[in-house]
Structure formats: C-alpha cells, structure tokens
Amino acid sequence: PEGITIATPPDVTIQAVSRYGRELTGRPREAIEGIPADQHPTAWSIFRADGVTPARPEELPLTRATLSGEVVRDEEWTLVDPAGQCIPILCNAGPIRDASGQIIAGVIAWRDARAIRQTQEALSESQRLLRMALDATGAGVFDYRFTLDQLAW
C-alpha cells in the first residue's frame, strides 16, 4: 500500500489523495485535498524525520517535485496522526510533465516505514547481542581457527 498524492502548480494545491493515504493520515478528504503548500505541514502534521522539527512547505518532497521538477527518492519524514502517533514515512516524488516538458503537476508516493524501522532495529539488536556473546567468550568472529580433530565431541 502506498499513499499517492497529486498536486498542481503554482501553489502546489493538493488535487487528490489515495484512499490508503487518507487512511494513514487519519484525516478525511476534505481536510487534506484542495489546500496549497503553505498549509501542508499543519494540515498533514508533517515533521522532519526526527519527528520534532516542523516541516517547512518549501522543503517537502511534493513541493520540490511540483515547483522545481526535482525527483525525490526514499526520503524519510514523520507524519503525526490525529491520535498523536508518530508515523515514519518514506517518500518518493517527481514532476508530471506535459508533451512539451512543462510541469503540470507533482506526484508523491509514500508509505508507512514502521515495519522497515522495526526490522532495522531488530537486526541492530541481534548484532549487538552477538558482539556481547563473542566478547564474553573472549573470541572474535575471525578467531575460530580449529580443525574437526580439535573439537571435543
């Protein structure tokens, strides 16, 4: 599932948000469609990846794609839902151009990155525990130099 949002210049007005996007934000269509870029950070409750620093309209991926034609890949932001839950989102955005190459809109695809974060955290914890176990035995990963004859079965 991806949240898909389309906006048009010159003020990056949101024209459409996919059903999944509305579900993830926890906001109805009327609260997020038809609003210009200067209202996106507050209407969507968007923060930088740290979840603390408020987003500025001009730095948002959809704004950059719609106004300057920038292609944004795998950029992380934080969305706060109406219940106050911080949701890390991974964003990919780009311009939509007409036949002459002029930007007529911008599109962003974004997804909930919590599962990705949980997997990364579990892997880090597993690596930490492995290092602790190896340190406790006094052996390093590459210090296992023995032959089958040396093993006590």
N, C-alpha and C. Protein backbone atom coordinates (compact mmCIF):
# COMPACT_ATOMS: atom_id res chain seq x y z
N PRO A 1 0.83 -1.21 0.00
CA PRO A 1 0.00 0.00 0.00
C PRO A 1 0.86 1.26 0.00
N GLU A 2 0.46 2.17 -0.84
CA GLU A 2 1.15 3.45 -0.96
C GLU A 2 0.13 4.56 -0.85
N GLY A 3 0.53 5.62 -0.17
CA GLY A 3 -0.25 6.84 -0.22
C GLY A 3 0.18 7.57 -1.47
N ILE A 4 -0.74 7.95 -2.30
CA ILE A 4 -0.42 8.69 -3.53
C ILE A 4 -1.10 10.05 -3.43
N THR A 5 -0.34 11.09 -3.68
CA THR A 5 -0.88 12.45 -3.63
C THR A 5 -0.44 13.18 -4.89
N ILE A 6 -1.37 13.91 -5.48
CA ILE A 6 -1.09 14.71 -6.68
C ILE A 6 -1.41 16.16 -6.37
N ALA A 7 -0.50 17.06 -6.77
CA ALA A 7 -0.69 18.49 -6.55
C ALA A 7 -0.34 19.25 -7.82
N THR A 8 -0.89 20.45 -7.95
CA THR A 8 -0.65 21.27 -9.14
C THR A 8 -0.02 22.61 -8.78
N PRO A 9 0.81 23.13 -9.71
CA PRO A 9 1.37 24.45 -9.51
C PRO A 9 0.30 25.50 -9.74
N PRO A 10 0.46 26.73 -9.40
CA PRO A 10 1.70 27.31 -8.88
C PRO A 10 1.83 27.23 -7.36
N ASP A 11 0.74 26.90 -6.66
CA ASP A 11 0.81 26.91 -5.19
C ASP A 11 0.80 25.50 -4.60
N VAL A 12 1.02 24.48 -5.43
CA VAL A 12 1.10 23.08 -5.01
C VAL A 12 -0.19 22.67 -4.27
N THR A 13 -1.32 22.97 -4.90
CA THR A 13 -2.61 22.61 -4.33
C THR A 13 -2.85 21.12 -4.52
N ILE A 14 -3.21 20.46 -3.44
CA ILE A 14 -3.46 19.02 -3.50
C ILE A 14 -4.77 18.78 -4.23
N GLN A 15 -4.68 17.99 -5.29
CA GLN A 15 -5.84 17.67 -6.10
C GLN A 15 -6.47 16.33 -5.71
N ALA A 16 -5.62 15.38 -5.30
CA ALA A 16 -6.14 14.05 -4.96
C ALA A 16 -5.20 13.34 -4.00
N VAL A 17 -5.79 12.56 -3.10
CA VAL A 17 -5.04 11.71 -2.18
C VAL A 17 -5.70 10.33 -2.23
N SER A 18 -4.89 9.31 -2.39
CA SER A 18 -5.43 7.95 -2.47
C SER A 18 -6.11 7.54 -1.17
N ARG A 19 -6.95 6.54 -1.28
CA ARG A 19 -7.67 6.03 -0.10
C ARG A 19 -6.69 5.62 0.99
N TYR A 20 -5.64 4.89 0.62
CA TYR A 20 -4.66 4.46 1.62
C TYR A 20 -3.98 5.67 2.28
N GLY A 21 -3.71 6.70 1.50
CA GLY A 21 -3.12 7.91 2.05
C GLY A 21 -4.02 8.57 3.08
N ARG A 22 -5.31 8.62 2.78
CA ARG A 22 -6.26 9.20 3.74
C ARG A 22 -6.35 8.34 4.99
N GLU A 23 -6.34 7.02 4.81
CA GLU A 23 -6.39 6.12 5.98
C GLU A 23 -5.17 6.29 6.86
N LEU A 24 -3.99 6.37 6.25
CA LEU A 24 -2.76 6.50 7.02
C LEU A 24 -2.70 7.83 7.76
N THR A 25 -3.19 8.90 7.15
CA THR A 25 -3.16 10.20 7.83
C THR A 25 -4.23 10.30 8.90
N GLY A 26 -5.28 9.48 8.75
CA GLY A 26 -6.39 9.56 9.69
C GLY A 26 -7.24 10.80 9.49
N ARG A 27 -7.16 11.36 8.29
CA ARG A 27 -7.89 12.59 8.01
C ARG A 27 -8.84 12.39 6.82
N PRO A 28 -9.98 13.06 6.85
CA PRO A 28 -10.91 12.93 5.71
C PRO A 28 -10.40 13.72 4.50
N ARG A 29 -10.93 13.36 3.36
CA ARG A 29 -10.57 14.01 2.09
C ARG A 29 -10.65 15.54 2.19
N GLU A 30 -11.71 16.04 2.80
CA GLU A 30 -11.92 17.50 2.88
C GLU A 30 -10.82 18.21 3.67
N ALA A 31 -10.18 17.51 4.58
CA ALA A 31 -9.15 18.14 5.41
C ALA A 31 -7.81 18.24 4.71
N ILE A 32 -7.61 17.46 3.63
CA ILE A 32 -6.29 17.48 3.00
C ILE A 32 -6.29 17.78 1.51
N GLU A 33 -7.41 17.64 0.84
CA GLU A 33 -7.45 17.98 -0.58
C GLU A 33 -7.87 19.43 -0.75
N GLY A 34 -7.35 20.06 -1.80
CA GLY A 34 -7.70 21.45 -2.11
C GLY A 34 -6.91 22.47 -1.32
N ILE A 35 -5.89 22.04 -0.60
CA ILE A 35 -5.10 23.00 0.18
C ILE A 35 -3.75 23.25 -0.49
N PRO A 36 -3.25 24.49 -0.40
CA PRO A 36 -1.96 24.83 -1.01
C PRO A 36 -0.79 24.44 -0.10
N ALA A 37 0.41 24.50 -0.66
CA ALA A 37 1.63 24.06 0.03
C ALA A 37 1.85 24.74 1.37
N ASP A 38 1.49 26.01 1.49
CA ASP A 38 1.76 26.70 2.76
C ASP A 38 0.95 26.12 3.92
N GLN A 39 -0.07 25.31 3.61
CA GLN A 39 -0.88 24.67 4.65
C GLN A 39 -0.57 23.18 4.83
N HIS A 40 0.26 22.61 3.96
CA HIS A 40 0.54 21.17 4.03
C HIS A 40 1.12 20.73 5.37
N PRO A 41 2.15 21.41 5.90
CA PRO A 41 2.74 20.93 7.16
C PRO A 41 1.74 20.84 8.32
N THR A 42 0.84 21.82 8.43
CA THR A 42 -0.11 21.79 9.54
C THR A 42 -1.31 20.88 9.25
N ALA A 43 -1.82 20.92 8.03
CA ALA A 43 -2.98 20.08 7.69
C ALA A 43 -2.63 18.59 7.76
N TRP A 44 -1.41 18.26 7.41
CA TRP A 44 -0.97 16.86 7.40
C TRP A 44 -0.20 16.50 8.67
N SER A 45 0.17 17.48 9.47
CA SER A 45 1.04 17.27 10.64
C SER A 45 2.32 16.55 10.24
N ILE A 46 3.10 17.22 9.38
CA ILE A 46 4.34 16.64 8.86
C ILE A 46 5.53 17.28 9.56
N PHE A 47 6.48 16.42 9.94
CA PHE A 47 7.71 16.85 10.59
C PHE A 47 8.88 16.22 9.86
N ARG A 48 10.06 16.75 10.11
CA ARG A 48 11.26 16.12 9.56
C ARG A 48 11.37 14.72 10.16
N ALA A 49 12.33 13.96 9.68
CA ALA A 49 12.49 12.56 10.12
C ALA A 49 12.65 12.42 11.62
N ASP A 50 13.17 13.46 12.29
CA ASP A 50 13.37 13.38 13.73
C ASP A 50 12.05 13.39 14.51
N GLY A 51 10.95 13.72 13.84
CA GLY A 51 9.63 13.74 14.47
C GLY A 51 9.40 14.94 15.37
N VAL A 52 10.36 15.86 15.41
CA VAL A 52 10.27 17.03 16.29
C VAL A 52 10.28 18.34 15.51
N THR A 53 11.14 18.42 14.51
CA THR A 53 11.31 19.65 13.74
C THR A 53 10.18 19.78 12.72
N PRO A 54 9.36 20.84 12.84
CA PRO A 54 8.26 21.02 11.88
C PRO A 54 8.78 21.19 10.45
N ALA A 55 8.05 20.63 9.52
CA ALA A 55 8.41 20.77 8.11
C ALA A 55 8.07 22.17 7.64
N ARG A 56 8.87 22.67 6.72
CA ARG A 56 8.56 23.93 6.05
C ARG A 56 8.01 23.57 4.66
N PRO A 57 7.00 24.28 4.19
CA PRO A 57 6.37 23.92 2.91
C PRO A 57 7.35 23.75 1.76
N GLU A 58 8.33 24.63 1.66
CA GLU A 58 9.26 24.59 0.52
C GLU A 58 10.21 23.40 0.53
N GLU A 59 10.37 22.74 1.67
CA GLU A 59 11.28 21.61 1.74
C GLU A 59 10.59 20.26 1.55
N LEU A 60 9.28 20.25 1.51
CA LEU A 60 8.55 18.99 1.35
C LEU A 60 8.77 18.40 -0.06
N PRO A 61 8.89 17.08 -0.15
CA PRO A 61 9.15 16.45 -1.45
C PRO A 61 8.13 16.80 -2.54
N LEU A 62 6.85 16.84 -2.19
CA LEU A 62 5.84 17.15 -3.20
C LEU A 62 6.00 18.57 -3.71
N THR A 63 6.33 19.50 -2.85
CA THR A 63 6.54 20.89 -3.26
C THR A 63 7.74 20.98 -4.20
N ARG A 64 8.82 20.35 -3.82
CA ARG A 64 10.03 20.39 -4.65
C ARG A 64 9.79 19.76 -6.01
N ALA A 65 9.06 18.65 -6.05
CA ALA A 65 8.77 17.99 -7.33
C ALA A 65 7.87 18.85 -8.21
N THR A 66 6.87 19.47 -7.59
CA THR A 66 5.88 20.24 -8.34
C THR A 66 6.44 21.57 -8.85
N LEU A 67 7.25 22.23 -8.04
CA LEU A 67 7.74 23.55 -8.43
C LEU A 67 9.05 23.55 -9.19
N SER A 68 9.97 22.65 -8.83
CA SER A 68 11.28 22.68 -9.49
C SER A 68 11.56 21.46 -10.35
N GLY A 69 10.68 20.46 -10.31
CA GLY A 69 10.89 19.26 -11.11
C GLY A 69 11.86 18.28 -10.48
N GLU A 70 12.18 18.50 -9.22
CA GLU A 70 13.11 17.60 -8.54
C GLU A 70 12.50 16.19 -8.40
N VAL A 71 13.34 15.19 -8.54
CA VAL A 71 12.94 13.81 -8.29
C VAL A 71 13.50 13.45 -6.91
N VAL A 72 12.63 13.03 -6.03
CA VAL A 72 13.00 12.69 -4.65
C VAL A 72 12.88 11.19 -4.48
N ARG A 73 13.92 10.59 -3.93
CA ARG A 73 13.91 9.13 -3.73
C ARG A 73 14.18 8.77 -2.28
N ASP A 74 13.30 7.95 -1.73
CA ASP A 74 13.48 7.36 -0.40
C ASP A 74 13.85 8.37 0.69
N GLU A 75 13.12 9.45 0.74
CA GLU A 75 13.34 10.47 1.76
C GLU A 75 12.39 10.22 2.92
N GLU A 76 12.91 10.26 4.14
CA GLU A 76 12.08 9.96 5.30
C GLU A 76 11.56 11.24 5.96
N TRP A 77 10.28 11.19 6.31
CA TRP A 77 9.61 12.26 7.03
C TRP A 77 8.77 11.61 8.12
N THR A 78 8.19 12.42 8.99
CA THR A 78 7.32 11.88 10.03
C THR A 78 5.96 12.54 9.92
N LEU A 79 4.94 11.71 9.95
CA LEU A 79 3.55 12.14 9.92
C LEU A 79 2.97 11.87 11.30
N VAL A 80 2.24 12.81 11.85
CA VAL A 80 1.59 12.59 13.14
C VAL A 80 0.10 12.48 12.89
N ASP A 81 -0.48 11.34 13.28
CA ASP A 81 -1.90 11.14 13.04
C ASP A 81 -2.72 11.89 14.10
N PRO A 82 -4.03 11.99 13.93
CA PRO A 82 -4.85 12.75 14.88
C PRO A 82 -4.77 12.25 16.32
N ALA A 83 -4.39 10.98 16.52
CA ALA A 83 -4.25 10.43 17.87
C ALA A 83 -2.89 10.78 18.49
N GLY A 84 -2.03 11.45 17.71
CA GLY A 84 -0.72 11.85 18.21
C GLY A 84 0.37 10.82 17.97
N GLN A 85 0.07 9.78 17.22
CA GLN A 85 1.06 8.74 16.94
C GLN A 85 1.99 9.20 15.81
N CYS A 86 3.30 9.10 16.03
CA CYS A 86 4.29 9.45 15.00
C CYS A 86 4.47 8.27 14.06
N ILE A 87 4.33 8.53 12.78
CA ILE A 87 4.46 7.50 11.76
C ILE A 87 5.59 7.91 10.82
N PRO A 88 6.70 7.17 10.83
CA PRO A 88 7.74 7.48 9.85
C PRO A 88 7.23 7.08 8.46
N ILE A 89 7.43 7.97 7.50
CA ILE A 89 7.01 7.67 6.13
C ILE A 89 8.20 7.82 5.20
N LEU A 90 8.23 6.98 4.19
CA LEU A 90 9.27 7.01 3.18
C LEU A 90 8.65 7.56 1.90
N CYS A 91 9.26 8.62 1.36
CA CYS A 91 8.65 9.34 0.24
C CYS A 91 9.48 9.27 -1.04
N ASN A 92 8.76 9.15 -2.15
CA ASN A 92 9.33 9.25 -3.49
C ASN A 92 8.43 10.21 -4.26
N ALA A 93 9.02 11.23 -4.87
CA ALA A 93 8.21 12.23 -5.56
C ALA A 93 8.86 12.63 -6.88
N GLY A 94 8.03 13.13 -7.77
CA GLY A 94 8.55 13.60 -9.06
C GLY A 94 7.52 14.46 -9.76
N PRO A 95 7.97 15.16 -10.79
CA PRO A 95 7.06 16.01 -11.55
C PRO A 95 6.26 15.21 -12.57
N ILE A 96 5.11 15.75 -12.93
CA ILE A 96 4.33 15.24 -14.06
C ILE A 96 4.43 16.32 -15.12
N ARG A 97 4.89 15.95 -16.30
CA ARG A 97 5.12 16.93 -17.37
C ARG A 97 4.17 16.69 -18.55
N ASP A 98 3.85 17.76 -19.25
CA ASP A 98 3.04 17.61 -20.46
C ASP A 98 3.96 17.27 -21.63
N ALA A 99 3.40 17.17 -22.83
CA ALA A 99 4.17 16.77 -24.01
C ALA A 99 5.32 17.73 -24.32
N SER A 100 5.17 18.99 -23.91
CA SER A 100 6.24 19.96 -24.19
C SER A 100 7.29 20.00 -23.08
N GLY A 101 7.09 19.21 -22.02
CA GLY A 101 8.06 19.16 -20.94
C GLY A 101 7.77 20.09 -19.77
N GLN A 102 6.69 20.84 -19.87
CA GLN A 102 6.33 21.75 -18.78
C GLN A 102 5.69 20.97 -17.63
N ILE A 103 6.04 21.36 -16.41
CA ILE A 103 5.47 20.69 -15.24
C ILE A 103 4.01 21.11 -15.09
N ILE A 104 3.13 20.11 -15.09
CA ILE A 104 1.70 20.39 -14.91
C ILE A 104 1.20 19.91 -13.55
N ALA A 105 2.02 19.10 -12.88
CA ALA A 105 1.65 18.60 -11.56
C ALA A 105 2.86 17.91 -10.94
N GLY A 106 2.68 17.53 -9.68
CA GLY A 106 3.68 16.73 -8.99
C GLY A 106 2.97 15.56 -8.36
N VAL A 107 3.68 14.48 -8.19
CA VAL A 107 3.11 13.29 -7.56
C VAL A 107 4.08 12.77 -6.51
N ILE A 108 3.52 12.29 -5.43
CA ILE A 108 4.33 11.68 -4.39
C ILE A 108 3.70 10.36 -4.00
N ALA A 109 4.56 9.36 -3.85
CA ALA A 109 4.15 8.06 -3.32
C ALA A 109 4.85 7.92 -1.98
N TRP A 110 4.08 7.59 -0.97
CA TRP A 110 4.67 7.49 0.37
C TRP A 110 4.09 6.30 1.09
N ARG A 111 4.92 5.73 1.96
CA ARG A 111 4.49 4.53 2.67
C ARG A 111 4.91 4.59 4.13
N ASP A 112 4.18 3.85 4.91
CA ASP A 112 4.47 3.70 6.33
C ASP A 112 5.79 2.94 6.45
N ALA A 113 6.77 3.53 7.13
CA ALA A 113 8.10 2.92 7.24
C ALA A 113 8.31 2.25 8.60
N ARG A 114 7.25 2.07 9.39
CA ARG A 114 7.43 1.45 10.71
C ARG A 114 7.98 0.03 10.60
N ALA A 115 7.50 -0.77 9.66
CA ALA A 115 7.98 -2.15 9.53
C ALA A 115 9.46 -2.16 9.16
N ILE A 116 9.86 -1.25 8.30
CA ILE A 116 11.27 -1.15 7.91
C ILE A 116 12.11 -0.78 9.13
N ARG A 117 11.65 0.18 9.89
CA ARG A 117 12.37 0.59 11.12
C ARG A 117 12.46 -0.55 12.11
N GLN A 118 11.37 -1.27 12.31
CA GLN A 118 11.37 -2.39 13.26
C GLN A 118 12.36 -3.46 12.84
N THR A 119 12.43 -3.75 11.53
CA THR A 119 13.38 -4.74 11.03
C THR A 119 14.81 -4.26 11.25
N GLN A 120 15.08 -2.98 10.98
CA GLN A 120 16.42 -2.43 11.19
C GLN A 120 16.80 -2.48 12.67
N GLU A 121 15.86 -2.15 13.55
CA GLU A 121 16.14 -2.17 14.98
C GLU A 121 16.38 -3.60 15.47
N ALA A 122 15.61 -4.56 14.96
CA ALA A 122 15.80 -5.96 15.36
C ALA A 122 17.16 -6.47 14.89
N LEU A 123 17.57 -6.10 13.69
CA LEU A 123 18.88 -6.51 13.18
C LEU A 123 19.99 -5.89 14.02
N SER A 124 19.87 -4.61 14.35
CA SER A 124 20.88 -3.95 15.19
C SER A 124 20.98 -4.62 16.55
N GLU A 125 19.84 -4.96 17.14
CA GLU A 125 19.84 -5.61 18.45
C GLU A 125 20.47 -7.00 18.35
N SER A 126 20.18 -7.72 17.29
CA SER A 126 20.77 -9.04 17.09
C SER A 126 22.29 -8.93 16.96
N GLN A 127 22.76 -7.95 16.22
CA GLN A 127 24.20 -7.74 16.07
C GLN A 127 24.83 -7.36 17.40
N ARG A 128 24.15 -6.54 18.18
CA ARG A 128 24.67 -6.14 19.49
C ARG A 128 24.80 -7.36 20.40
N LEU A 129 23.77 -8.21 20.43
CA LEU A 129 23.81 -9.40 21.27
C LEU A 129 24.90 -10.37 20.82
N LEU A 130 25.10 -10.51 19.53
CA LEU A 130 26.15 -11.37 19.02
C LEU A 130 27.52 -10.86 19.45
N ARG A 131 27.73 -9.55 19.34
CA ARG A 131 29.01 -8.97 19.78
C ARG A 131 29.24 -9.20 21.27
N MET A 132 28.18 -9.04 22.06
CA MET A 132 28.30 -9.28 23.50
C MET A 132 28.67 -10.74 23.78
N ALA A 133 28.03 -11.66 23.09
CA ALA A 133 28.31 -13.08 23.30
C ALA A 133 29.75 -13.41 22.91
N LEU A 134 30.21 -12.85 21.79
CA LEU A 134 31.58 -13.10 21.37
C LEU A 134 32.57 -12.47 22.34
N ASP A 135 32.27 -11.28 22.83
CA ASP A 135 33.15 -10.64 23.81
C ASP A 135 33.22 -11.45 25.09
N ALA A 136 32.10 -12.03 25.50
CA ALA A 136 32.05 -12.81 26.74
C ALA A 136 32.88 -14.09 26.64
N THR A 137 33.00 -14.63 25.43
CA THR A 137 33.79 -15.85 25.26
C THR A 137 35.25 -15.54 25.04
N GLY A 138 35.57 -14.27 24.81
CA GLY A 138 36.95 -13.89 24.54
C GLY A 138 37.39 -14.21 23.13
N ALA A 139 36.46 -14.61 22.31
CA ALA A 139 36.80 -14.95 20.93
C ALA A 139 36.18 -13.93 19.99
N GLY A 140 36.89 -13.61 18.96
CA GLY A 140 36.36 -12.72 17.93
C GLY A 140 35.76 -13.54 16.82
N VAL A 141 35.04 -12.92 15.95
CA VAL A 141 34.37 -13.63 14.86
C VAL A 141 35.38 -14.39 14.00
N PHE A 142 36.55 -13.80 13.76
CA PHE A 142 37.52 -14.43 12.88
C PHE A 142 38.61 -15.19 13.65
N ASP A 143 38.41 -15.44 14.94
CA ASP A 143 39.41 -16.15 15.74
C ASP A 143 39.13 -17.63 15.84
N TYR A 144 38.13 -18.13 15.15
CA TYR A 144 37.80 -19.55 15.23
C TYR A 144 38.69 -20.32 14.25
N ARG A 145 39.88 -20.73 14.74
CA ARG A 145 40.80 -21.48 13.90
C ARG A 145 41.02 -22.85 14.55
N PHE A 146 40.28 -23.81 14.09
CA PHE A 146 40.43 -25.16 14.62
C PHE A 146 40.03 -26.15 13.54
N THR A 147 40.40 -27.37 13.77
CA THR A 147 40.02 -28.43 12.83
C THR A 147 39.01 -29.33 13.51
N LEU A 148 38.38 -30.18 12.76
CA LEU A 148 37.40 -31.09 13.33
C LEU A 148 38.04 -32.00 14.37
N ASP A 149 39.32 -32.35 14.19
CA ASP A 149 40.01 -33.20 15.16
C ASP A 149 40.15 -32.53 16.52
N GLN A 150 40.17 -31.18 16.54
CA GLN A 150 40.35 -30.46 17.80
C GLN A 150 39.06 -30.32 18.59
N LEU A 151 37.94 -30.58 17.96
CA LEU A 151 36.66 -30.44 18.65
C LEU A 151 36.44 -31.64 19.57
N ALA A 152 35.95 -31.39 20.75
CA ALA A 152 35.63 -32.48 21.68
C ALA A 152 34.17 -32.82 21.51
N TRP A 153 33.89 -33.93 20.89
CA TRP A 153 32.51 -34.33 20.68
C TRP A 153 32.06 -35.17 21.80
